[in-house]
Every structure is written in structure tokens, then in C-alpha cells.
Amino acid sequence: MNVQNSNHKETLRKRIILFLSIFSGILVITNIYLLILLFNQKQKTSEQVVITKEVIVERDNVKTALEQLKKGYEDLKTDNSDLQKEIDEKKA
């Protein structure tokens, strides 16, 4: 009876150790996979930040160019009205 009990306990102990080993292995593999996903996500995030900064710089350049065009257009309108006055004066 003692021999059977000790065999049963030993078998149960081996099963528990096997189960814990498999479970630990699964956890290690899962952690490695999650670390890889985290690294990839950080790469994508840093690339997105660079792209966003480039877009902001381009937007600012376009705004500056638009302001210069508006100013140039206003100057042309002024020149046009001056020219119109000159033409009117010559006609008169």
C-alpha cells in the first residue's frame, strides 16, 4: 500500500512538474511574441512622428507661400488701380 501511494504521489508530482514546465514555456513564448509586437509598434510610432513633423513643415511652407502670394496680389491690385488712374488721366 505504501509503495502504491508513493508511486501515485511520484506520478502526480511528475505530472504537476510537466504541466508547470509546459505552462512556463507557453508564458515565455507569449512574452517574446509580445516584446516583438511592442518593438514593431514603437518603430511604427517613431516613423509616424517623423512623417507628421515633415507634414507640419510642408504646411508651414505652404502657408508662408500663400501669404506671399496674397501680398503680391494686393500689390498688383494697387498697381492696377494706379495704372487705371493714369489711363483715366491720359484719356481726360
Protein backbone atom coordinates (compact mmCIF):
# COMPACT_ATOMS: atom_id res chain seq x y z
CA MET A 1 0.00 0.00 0.00
CA ASN A 2 2.83 2.39 0.84
CA VAL A 3 4.57 1.55 -2.42
CA GLN A 4 1.42 2.30 -4.41
CA ASN A 5 0.87 5.53 -2.51
CA SER A 6 4.43 6.65 -3.11
CA ASN A 7 4.21 5.67 -6.80
CA HIS A 8 0.97 7.59 -7.11
CA LYS A 9 2.47 10.64 -5.39
CA GLU A 10 5.56 10.44 -7.60
CA THR A 11 3.43 10.16 -10.74
CA LEU A 12 1.28 13.08 -9.60
CA ARG A 13 4.38 15.12 -8.82
CA LYS A 14 5.85 14.39 -12.29
CA ARG A 15 2.58 15.43 -13.94
CA ILE A 16 2.49 18.68 -11.98
CA ILE A 17 6.11 19.41 -12.89
CA LEU A 18 5.38 18.61 -16.56
CA PHE A 19 2.30 20.83 -16.54
CA LEU A 20 4.19 23.72 -14.91
CA SER A 21 7.06 23.33 -17.36
CA ILE A 22 4.70 23.45 -20.35
CA PHE A 23 2.83 26.39 -18.86
CA SER A 24 6.08 28.27 -18.20
CA GLY A 25 7.22 27.58 -21.76
CA ILE A 26 3.97 28.95 -23.14
CA LEU A 27 4.35 32.07 -20.99
CA VAL A 28 7.93 32.62 -22.19
CA ILE A 29 6.91 32.25 -25.84
CA THR A 30 3.97 34.61 -25.32
CA ASN A 31 6.21 37.20 -23.67
CA ILE A 32 8.73 37.02 -26.50
CA TYR A 33 5.92 37.48 -29.04
CA LEU A 34 4.55 40.48 -27.12
CA LEU A 35 8.01 42.06 -26.92
CA ILE A 36 8.37 41.72 -30.69
CA LEU A 37 4.96 43.34 -31.18
CA LEU A 38 5.91 46.17 -28.81
CA PHE A 39 9.18 46.80 -30.66
CA ASN A 40 7.39 46.88 -34.03
CA GLN A 41 4.78 49.28 -32.66
CA LYS A 42 7.47 51.62 -31.34
CA GLN A 43 9.13 51.60 -34.79
CA LYS A 44 5.84 52.48 -36.47
CA THR A 45 5.15 55.23 -33.93
CA SER A 46 8.56 56.83 -34.44
CA GLU A 47 8.10 56.69 -38.23
CA GLN A 48 4.68 58.32 -37.84
CA VAL A 49 6.17 61.11 -35.71
CA VAL A 50 8.78 61.83 -38.40
CA ILE A 51 6.11 61.90 -41.13
CA THR A 52 3.93 64.20 -39.00
CA LYS A 53 6.84 66.61 -38.48
CA GLU A 54 7.53 66.64 -42.23
CA VAL A 55 3.87 67.39 -42.96
CA ILE A 56 3.84 70.22 -40.43
CA VAL A 57 6.95 71.76 -42.03
CA GLU A 58 5.40 71.47 -45.51
CA ARG A 59 2.16 73.02 -44.21
CA ASP A 60 4.06 75.95 -42.74
CA ASN A 61 5.94 76.43 -46.02
CA VAL A 62 2.67 76.44 -47.94
CA LYS A 63 1.16 78.97 -45.52
CA THR A 64 4.17 81.24 -45.97
CA ALA A 65 3.96 80.94 -49.75
CA LEU A 66 0.23 81.70 -49.64
CA GLU A 67 0.81 84.81 -47.54
CA GLN A 68 3.46 85.97 -50.02
CA LEU A 69 1.07 85.36 -52.91
CA LYS A 70 -1.69 87.29 -51.16
CA LYS A 71 0.68 90.18 -50.52
CA GLY A 72 1.83 90.10 -54.15
CA TYR A 73 -1.78 90.05 -55.31
CA GLU A 74 -2.63 93.05 -53.14
CA ASP A 75 0.39 94.88 -54.60
CA LEU A 76 -0.84 94.03 -58.10
CA LYS A 77 -4.31 95.33 -57.27
CA THR A 78 -2.75 98.57 -56.06
CA ASP A 79 -0.59 98.81 -59.16
CA ASN A 80 -3.62 98.08 -61.32
CA SER A 81 -5.67 100.85 -59.74
CA ASP A 82 -2.72 103.24 -60.10
CA LEU A 83 -2.44 102.28 -63.76
CA GLN A 84 -6.16 102.75 -64.20
CA LYS A 85 -5.89 106.26 -62.72
CA GLU A 86 -3.05 107.04 -65.11
CA ILE A 87 -5.09 105.79 -68.07
CA ASP A 88 -8.08 107.82 -66.95
CA GLU A 89 -5.89 110.90 -66.61
CA LYS A 90 -4.44 110.39 -70.09
CA LYS A 91 -7.92 109.95 -71.55
CA ALA A 92 -9.09 113.15 -69.97
